[in-house]
Amino acid sequence: MPETLSSPPSEPASDTTTLPQLRKDLYLALCLVAAVNVLCFAFLWNSDSAIDFRAFYCAGRIAFTSPSQVYSVEAQRFKSKDLPGQNVWMPYYHPPIELLLFAPLARLPYRQSLALWTAISAASLLVSIAVLASFTSTGRRRLLIIALALFSTYLVLHQGQDTFLLLLLLCLTLSFVQRKQDVRAGIVLAVALFKPQVPLVLALALLLRGRRKLIASFSVSSGLIGFASLAAIGSSGVGQFVELIRHHEPLEEAWRMVNLRGLLSLVHAPRPVTIAVSILVLAAFAIYWYRAERPLLHVASSAILAGALLSYHFHAYDLALLLIPITYLVSNDLSRIEWAALFCLAAAPVFFLLIMNGAPALLAIAVLVLALHPAIQTWRRSAPAAL
């Protein structure tokens, strides 16, 4: 019988009488963190700071006149000079499928387009919360509290990022899986490949759980999207895309990445070491997903955390994707170290402190702690027995 995403009963706490009170205290603390985050970003909010949306907007404008030049560095730089605000160029290197959204937005004047995109992004978050509430035991109000307590929520809106769109597609994928509509789930997951790292790891986890129909749908849909993308930009566009990636790489300081790559960069690990460690970590997770007798929601949450850790590019705003695994984890009895990890991932002052000291990559440790939830819970159960 196929697995579903139904959340399991909470793992028993050492003192079950105190668990409800602990959860009330947790949500009270999250409300406080959310209020602090709102204040922090209220002082920083500036429409000119949406440098990521500038890249989306420029690519959308180019797509209307010359789709084969979307990934041209010269064309992108030229278009960015016409935009109001800071003359900062950020390259667009997402797959062409996303231009189906940004090309129409680019028909509007820049500030109107940014306002509309911010509204679309916020709506995507609210719909994600509604979808997530439909297949978990957490209500919409509490999910909204968790989302507002994550500082990454504000970073997404602040920079005009597309993370909430990916969050919505992941939530829809899991909703279809829960309803055993694997073909639809595979199609939606393929559309999410405009940021491929997390969707690909989730697809691997679902394959190891035996969802072959989903993977077949995902593979066919991915192939069709890839073929259409190649046809849209042509061979010259492909060559420019490769050059853009090479040109863009030096602009990405690895210490800004809240993933394994960023963490290893702090100790100046060479690239072969980073690749080897990433392969070993992925192999360990793959073995766990294949053997674990856990609900599928647990496996999906673990896959999203693993995807965050192993992504080549994963910035602080992408931590908003962790709304899904955090929703699962807070329904369980967590250890103190896991609560500390959640606090570090949520509180804006922690992020500002780390970025001022050139070490936001340390947040990857908090992601790793949450990813090791099964191991931590096993240790907690075995430690008293050993004593």
Protein backbone atom coordinates (compact mmCIF):
# COMPACT_ATOMS: atom_id res chain seq x y z
CA MET A 1 0.00 0.00 0.00
CA PRO A 2 1.52 3.41 -0.99
CA GLU A 3 2.83 5.60 1.75
CA THR A 4 1.09 8.86 2.64
CA LEU A 5 2.34 12.05 4.18
CA SER A 6 0.25 11.83 7.33
CA SER A 7 2.12 13.16 10.33
CA PRO A 8 2.78 10.55 13.04
CA PRO A 9 1.80 11.04 16.63
CA SER A 10 4.34 13.14 18.47
CA GLU A 11 7.26 11.20 19.85
CA PRO A 12 6.84 10.69 23.56
CA ALA A 13 8.54 13.25 25.73
CA SER A 14 10.33 12.42 28.95
CA ASP A 15 7.60 14.31 30.76
CA THR A 16 4.41 14.19 28.70
CA THR A 17 2.55 16.45 31.11
CA THR A 18 4.84 19.35 30.27
CA LEU A 19 4.80 18.91 26.47
CA PRO A 20 1.65 21.02 25.77
CA GLN A 21 3.03 23.84 27.90
CA LEU A 22 6.38 23.62 26.12
CA ARG A 23 4.65 24.02 22.78
CA LYS A 24 2.67 27.00 24.02
CA ASP A 25 5.91 28.58 25.20
CA LEU A 26 7.46 27.79 21.80
CA TYR A 27 4.79 29.62 19.83
CA LEU A 28 4.92 32.53 22.25
CA ALA A 29 8.68 32.72 21.63
CA LEU A 30 8.10 32.51 17.86
CA CYS A 31 5.67 35.44 18.09
CA LEU A 32 8.35 37.45 19.88
CA VAL A 33 10.98 36.51 17.27
CA ALA A 34 8.55 37.47 14.48
CA ALA A 35 8.00 40.89 16.06
CA VAL A 36 11.76 41.48 16.33
CA ASN A 37 12.23 40.41 12.70
CA VAL A 38 9.53 42.83 11.53
CA LEU A 39 11.25 45.70 13.33
CA CYS A 40 14.66 44.77 11.92
CA PHE A 41 13.47 44.72 8.33
CA ALA A 42 11.20 47.76 8.71
CA PHE A 43 14.33 49.84 9.15
CA LEU A 44 16.02 48.18 6.16
CA TRP A 45 13.14 48.08 3.68
CA ASN A 46 13.93 49.85 0.43
CA SER A 47 12.50 49.07 -2.99
CA ASP A 48 15.91 49.78 -4.54
CA SER A 49 17.39 46.83 -2.63
CA ALA A 50 15.51 44.24 -4.71
CA ILE A 51 18.63 43.46 -6.74
CA ASP A 52 17.53 39.91 -7.54
CA PHE A 53 14.28 41.10 -9.08
CA ARG A 54 16.30 43.51 -11.24
CA ALA A 55 17.91 40.44 -12.83
CA PHE A 56 14.51 38.79 -13.38
CA TYR A 57 13.08 42.00 -14.87
CA CYS A 58 16.01 42.54 -17.24
CA ALA A 59 15.85 38.94 -18.47
CA GLY A 60 12.13 39.34 -19.05
CA ARG A 61 12.68 42.45 -21.17
CA ILE A 62 15.36 40.72 -23.26
CA ALA A 63 13.14 37.66 -23.76
CA PHE A 64 10.55 39.73 -25.62
CA THR A 65 12.90 41.09 -28.26
CA SER A 66 15.70 38.50 -28.55
CA PRO A 67 15.23 35.25 -26.57
CA SER A 68 18.59 33.92 -27.77
CA GLN A 69 20.32 36.82 -25.96
CA VAL A 70 18.75 36.23 -22.52
CA TYR A 71 22.02 34.82 -21.15
CA SER A 72 24.28 37.37 -22.82
CA VAL A 73 26.32 39.22 -20.20
CA GLU A 74 26.47 42.34 -22.39
CA ALA A 75 22.70 42.35 -22.99
CA GLN A 76 21.91 41.90 -19.31
CA ARG A 77 24.32 44.65 -18.25
CA PHE A 78 22.93 47.02 -20.88
CA LYS A 79 19.31 46.48 -19.79
CA SER A 80 20.15 46.90 -16.10
CA LYS A 81 21.51 50.42 -16.71
CA ASP A 82 18.02 51.66 -17.60
CA LEU A 83 16.50 50.68 -14.27
CA PRO A 84 15.96 53.14 -11.40
CA GLY A 85 17.85 52.87 -8.12
CA GLN A 86 21.33 51.48 -7.60
CA ASN A 87 23.18 50.56 -10.78
CA VAL A 88 23.99 47.04 -9.55
CA TRP A 89 24.11 44.18 -12.04
CA MET A 90 23.11 40.71 -10.91
CA PRO A 91 23.13 38.03 -13.62
CA TYR A 92 20.07 36.00 -14.53
CA TYR A 93 20.98 32.34 -14.87
CA HIS A 94 17.73 30.54 -14.09
CA PRO A 95 16.23 28.21 -16.74
CA PRO A 96 14.09 29.78 -19.51
CA ILE A 97 10.86 28.31 -18.11
CA GLU A 98 10.78 31.01 -15.44
CA LEU A 99 10.65 33.68 -18.15
CA LEU A 100 7.04 32.66 -18.79
CA LEU A 101 6.35 34.55 -15.57
CA PHE A 102 8.88 37.38 -15.72
CA ALA A 103 8.47 38.30 -19.39
CA PRO A 104 4.87 39.54 -18.87
CA LEU A 105 5.94 41.34 -15.68
CA ALA A 106 8.65 43.13 -17.64
CA ARG A 107 5.99 44.75 -19.83
CA LEU A 108 5.13 47.00 -16.88
CA PRO A 109 7.23 49.93 -15.64
CA TYR A 110 9.87 48.70 -13.22
CA ARG A 111 8.40 49.94 -9.93
CA GLN A 112 4.89 48.75 -10.82
CA SER A 113 6.32 45.39 -11.84
CA LEU A 114 8.23 45.09 -8.56
CA ALA A 115 5.11 45.93 -6.55
CA LEU A 116 3.11 43.30 -8.45
CA TRP A 117 5.88 40.71 -8.02
CA THR A 118 6.03 41.40 -4.28
CA ALA A 119 2.27 40.83 -4.09
CA ILE A 120 2.58 37.59 -6.11
CA SER A 121 5.41 36.42 -3.86
CA ALA A 122 3.46 37.16 -0.66
CA ALA A 123 0.39 35.42 -2.12
CA SER A 124 2.54 32.38 -2.93
CA LEU A 125 3.58 32.21 0.71
CA LEU A 126 -0.02 32.40 1.94
CA VAL A 127 -1.18 29.72 -0.52
CA SER A 128 1.78 27.56 0.54
CA ILE A 129 0.64 27.84 4.14
CA ALA A 130 -2.91 26.83 3.18
CA VAL A 131 -1.65 23.82 1.19
CA LEU A 132 0.77 22.79 3.95
CA ALA A 133 -1.99 22.99 6.55
CA SER A 134 -4.14 20.66 4.42
CA PHE A 135 -1.84 17.65 4.90
CA THR A 136 -0.23 18.34 8.28
CA SER A 137 -1.59 18.61 11.79
CA THR A 138 -0.53 22.26 12.08
CA GLY A 139 -3.14 24.98 11.62
CA ARG A 140 -2.80 27.95 9.28
CA ARG A 141 -2.39 30.46 12.10
CA ARG A 142 0.54 28.61 13.61
CA LEU A 143 2.09 28.09 10.20
CA LEU A 144 1.85 31.83 9.59
CA ILE A 145 3.58 32.45 12.92
CA ILE A 146 6.40 30.10 11.95
CA ALA A 147 6.74 31.76 8.53
CA LEU A 148 6.85 35.27 10.03
CA ALA A 149 9.40 34.11 12.61
CA LEU A 150 11.81 33.06 9.85
CA PHE A 151 13.99 36.03 8.93
CA SER A 152 14.38 34.52 5.47
CA THR A 153 10.72 35.43 4.82
CA TYR A 154 11.65 39.08 4.87
CA LEU A 155 14.83 38.55 2.85
CA VAL A 156 12.78 36.99 0.05
CA LEU A 157 10.55 40.07 -0.16
CA HIS A 158 13.43 42.46 0.49
CA GLN A 159 15.50 41.17 -2.45
CA GLY A 160 12.63 40.27 -4.77
CA GLN A 161 13.59 36.60 -4.79
CA ASP A 162 11.51 33.69 -6.16
CA THR A 163 11.86 31.35 -3.17
CA PHE A 164 8.15 31.48 -2.26
CA LEU A 165 7.27 30.28 -5.75
CA LEU A 166 9.50 27.24 -5.21
CA LEU A 167 8.01 26.74 -1.73
CA LEU A 168 4.52 26.68 -3.23
CA LEU A 169 5.50 24.11 -5.86
CA LEU A 170 7.09 21.86 -3.21
CA CYS A 171 3.97 22.11 -1.03
CA LEU A 172 1.76 21.27 -4.01
CA THR A 173 3.99 18.30 -4.85
CA LEU A 174 3.67 16.91 -1.33
CA SER A 175 -0.07 17.57 -1.33
CA PHE A 176 -0.49 15.52 -4.53
CA VAL A 177 1.71 12.77 -3.05
CA GLN A 178 -0.51 12.68 0.03
CA ARG A 179 -3.56 12.27 -2.22
CA LYS A 180 -1.72 9.54 -4.22
CA GLN A 181 -1.82 11.67 -7.39
CA ASP A 182 1.75 10.83 -8.35
CA VAL A 183 1.52 11.91 -12.00
CA ARG A 184 0.49 15.43 -11.01
CA ALA A 185 3.13 15.46 -8.28
CA GLY A 186 5.83 14.60 -10.82
CA ILE A 187 4.73 17.34 -13.21
CA VAL A 188 4.72 20.01 -10.49
CA LEU A 189 8.11 18.87 -9.18
CA ALA A 190 9.52 19.15 -12.72
CA VAL A 191 8.28 22.75 -12.96
CA ALA A 192 10.15 23.45 -9.70
CA LEU A 193 13.46 22.74 -11.45
CA PHE A 194 14.06 26.45 -12.05
CA LYS A 195 15.97 26.01 -8.75
CA PRO A 196 16.98 22.39 -9.27
CA GLN A 197 19.04 21.41 -6.22
CA VAL A 198 16.26 20.84 -3.66
CA PRO A 199 13.70 19.36 -6.14
CA LEU A 200 16.30 16.88 -7.44
CA VAL A 201 17.16 15.65 -3.94
CA LEU A 202 13.45 15.36 -3.12
CA ALA A 203 12.95 13.36 -6.32
CA LEU A 204 15.76 11.01 -5.28
CA ALA A 205 14.20 10.48 -1.85
CA LEU A 206 10.79 9.75 -3.38
CA LEU A 207 12.38 7.30 -5.84
CA LEU A 208 14.03 5.45 -2.94
CA ARG A 209 10.62 5.26 -1.26
CA GLY A 210 9.25 3.45 -4.30
CA ARG A 211 7.21 6.22 -5.98
CA ARG A 212 8.08 5.04 -9.48
CA LYS A 213 5.03 6.54 -11.19
CA LEU A 214 5.92 9.95 -9.74
CA ILE A 215 9.51 9.66 -10.95
CA ALA A 216 8.38 8.59 -14.43
CA SER A 217 6.09 11.63 -14.63
CA PHE A 218 8.89 13.83 -13.28
CA SER A 219 11.40 12.50 -15.82
CA VAL A 220 9.11 12.92 -18.83
CA SER A 221 8.03 16.41 -17.75
CA SER A 222 11.64 17.46 -17.08
CA GLY A 223 12.67 16.21 -20.52
CA LEU A 224 9.88 18.14 -22.25
CA ILE A 225 10.71 21.32 -20.31
CA GLY A 226 14.39 20.93 -21.12
CA PHE A 227 13.69 20.39 -24.83
CA ALA A 228 11.39 23.43 -24.99
CA SER A 229 14.02 25.52 -23.17
CA LEU A 230 16.74 24.53 -25.64
CA ALA A 231 14.44 25.31 -28.55
CA ALA A 232 13.64 28.74 -27.10
CA ILE A 233 17.22 29.95 -26.63
CA GLY A 234 18.98 27.99 -29.39
CA SER A 235 22.55 26.76 -29.49
CA SER A 236 23.95 30.30 -29.14
CA GLY A 237 21.88 30.80 -25.99
CA VAL A 238 23.25 27.56 -24.54
CA GLY A 239 26.82 28.74 -25.19
CA GLN A 240 26.07 32.09 -23.54
CA PHE A 241 24.53 30.30 -20.57
CA VAL A 242 27.73 28.29 -20.03
CA GLU A 243 29.82 31.47 -20.30
CA LEU A 244 27.51 33.26 -17.88
CA ILE A 245 27.96 30.54 -15.29
CA ARG A 246 31.73 30.83 -15.64
CA HIS A 247 31.57 34.61 -15.46
CA HIS A 248 29.18 34.58 -12.50
CA GLU A 249 31.12 32.14 -10.35
CA PRO A 250 33.72 34.65 -9.04
CA LEU A 251 30.88 36.95 -7.94
CA GLU A 252 29.55 34.32 -5.55
CA GLU A 253 31.57 34.32 -2.35
CA ALA A 254 31.12 30.84 -0.93
CA TRP A 255 31.13 32.13 2.66
CA ARG A 256 27.71 33.65 1.95
CA MET A 257 26.21 30.22 1.24
CA VAL A 258 24.30 28.66 4.14
CA ASN A 259 25.16 25.16 3.00
CA LEU A 260 27.93 22.58 3.20
CA ARG A 261 29.92 24.35 0.50
CA GLY A 262 29.86 27.60 2.48
CA LEU A 263 30.71 25.87 5.73
CA LEU A 264 33.74 24.11 4.24
CA SER A 265 34.88 27.36 2.63
CA LEU A 266 35.38 28.83 6.11
CA VAL A 267 38.18 26.31 6.67
CA HIS A 268 39.45 26.82 3.09
CA ALA A 269 38.68 23.26 2.00
CA PRO A 270 39.65 22.69 -1.67
CA ARG A 271 36.89 21.97 -4.17
CA PRO A 272 37.67 18.21 -4.51
CA VAL A 273 37.25 17.85 -0.73
CA THR A 274 33.92 19.71 -0.85
CA ILE A 275 32.68 17.49 -3.68
CA ALA A 276 33.82 14.29 -1.93
CA VAL A 277 32.19 15.27 1.38
CA SER A 278 28.95 16.21 -0.43
CA ILE A 279 28.84 12.83 -2.20
CA LEU A 280 29.39 10.99 1.10
CA VAL A 281 26.65 13.01 2.83
CA LEU A 282 24.21 12.38 -0.02
CA ALA A 283 25.02 8.65 0.04
CA ALA A 284 24.38 8.52 3.80
CA PHE A 285 21.01 10.22 3.39
CA ALA A 286 20.11 7.97 0.45
CA ILE A 287 20.76 4.84 2.53
CA TYR A 288 18.65 6.29 5.33
CA TRP A 289 15.73 7.14 3.02
CA TYR A 290 15.80 3.67 1.52
CA ARG A 291 15.86 1.85 4.87
CA ALA A 292 13.94 4.20 7.18
CA GLU A 293 10.56 2.99 8.41
CA ARG A 294 9.27 6.51 8.76
CA PRO A 295 6.25 8.44 7.41
CA LEU A 296 6.79 9.93 3.97
CA LEU A 297 6.45 13.45 5.37
CA HIS A 298 9.49 12.77 7.53
CA VAL A 299 11.44 11.55 4.49
CA ALA A 300 10.34 14.58 2.43
CA SER A 301 11.35 16.96 5.23
CA SER A 302 14.70 15.22 5.53
CA ALA A 303 15.20 15.49 1.76
CA ILE A 304 14.54 19.25 1.77
CA LEU A 305 17.07 19.72 4.58
CA ALA A 306 19.59 17.56 2.73
CA GLY A 307 18.96 19.49 -0.48
CA ALA A 308 19.65 22.74 1.37
CA LEU A 309 22.92 21.38 2.73
CA LEU A 310 24.13 19.94 -0.56
CA SER A 311 23.03 22.75 -2.90
CA TYR A 312 25.81 24.45 -4.80
CA HIS A 313 23.98 27.77 -4.36
CA PHE A 314 21.86 28.21 -1.24
CA HIS A 315 21.54 31.68 0.29
CA ALA A 316 19.92 32.90 3.49
CA TYR A 317 16.68 33.81 1.70
CA ASP A 318 16.36 30.17 0.56
CA LEU A 319 15.99 29.15 4.21
CA ALA A 320 12.31 30.03 3.75
CA LEU A 321 11.99 26.57 2.14
CA LEU A 322 12.59 25.10 5.59
CA LEU A 323 9.03 26.03 6.53
CA ILE A 324 8.10 22.49 5.41
CA PRO A 325 10.57 20.50 7.56
CA ILE A 326 10.21 22.91 10.50
CA THR A 327 6.44 22.33 10.43
CA TYR A 328 7.10 18.61 10.75
CA LEU A 329 9.78 18.95 13.41
CA VAL A 330 7.87 21.23 15.78
CA SER A 331 5.13 18.60 15.99
CA ASN A 332 7.71 16.32 17.66
CA ASP A 333 9.55 16.41 20.94
CA LEU A 334 12.79 18.23 20.11
CA SER A 335 16.04 18.38 22.02
CA ARG A 336 17.57 21.61 23.35
CA ILE A 337 20.15 21.65 20.56
CA GLU A 338 17.36 21.42 17.98
CA TRP A 339 15.48 24.31 19.61
CA ALA A 340 18.72 26.32 19.54
CA ALA A 341 19.14 25.50 15.84
CA LEU A 342 15.58 26.66 15.11
CA PHE A 343 16.21 29.91 16.97
CA CYS A 344 19.40 30.59 14.99
CA LEU A 345 17.59 29.97 11.69
CA ALA A 346 14.71 32.24 12.70
CA ALA A 347 16.19 35.26 14.45
CA ALA A 348 17.25 38.14 12.20
CA PRO A 349 19.80 39.51 14.73
CA VAL A 350 21.70 36.21 14.56
CA PHE A 351 21.95 36.51 10.77
CA PHE A 352 23.08 40.14 10.93
CA LEU A 353 25.72 39.25 13.52
CA LEU A 354 27.06 36.45 11.32
CA ILE A 355 27.09 38.46 8.09
CA MET A 356 28.88 41.38 9.79
CA ASN A 357 31.58 38.90 10.80
CA GLY A 358 31.72 37.27 7.37
CA ALA A 359 30.34 33.94 8.54
CA PRO A 360 26.65 33.45 7.54
CA ALA A 361 27.73 29.98 6.35
CA LEU A 362 27.72 28.96 10.03
CA LEU A 363 23.92 28.77 9.73
CA ALA A 364 24.55 25.54 7.82
CA ILE A 365 25.37 23.97 11.18
CA ALA A 366 21.80 24.68 12.31
CA VAL A 367 20.46 23.11 9.11
CA LEU A 368 22.67 20.07 9.72
CA VAL A 369 21.38 19.71 13.30
CA LEU A 370 17.78 19.63 12.05
CA ALA A 371 18.73 17.16 9.31
CA LEU A 372 20.18 14.87 12.00
CA HIS A 373 16.87 14.81 13.89
CA PRO A 374 16.45 11.00 13.69
CA ALA A 375 19.98 10.42 14.97
CA ILE A 376 19.50 12.93 17.80
CA GLN A 377 16.20 11.34 18.85
CA THR A 378 17.76 7.85 18.74
CA TRP A 379 20.61 9.05 20.94
CA ARG A 380 18.18 10.66 23.39
CA ARG A 381 16.25 7.42 23.75
CA SER A 382 19.36 5.27 24.14
CA ALA A 383 21.24 7.59 26.52
CA PRO A 384 18.96 6.98 29.56
CA ALA A 385 19.04 3.23 28.90
CA ALA A 386 22.83 3.31 28.85
CA LEU A 387 22.88 5.07 32.18
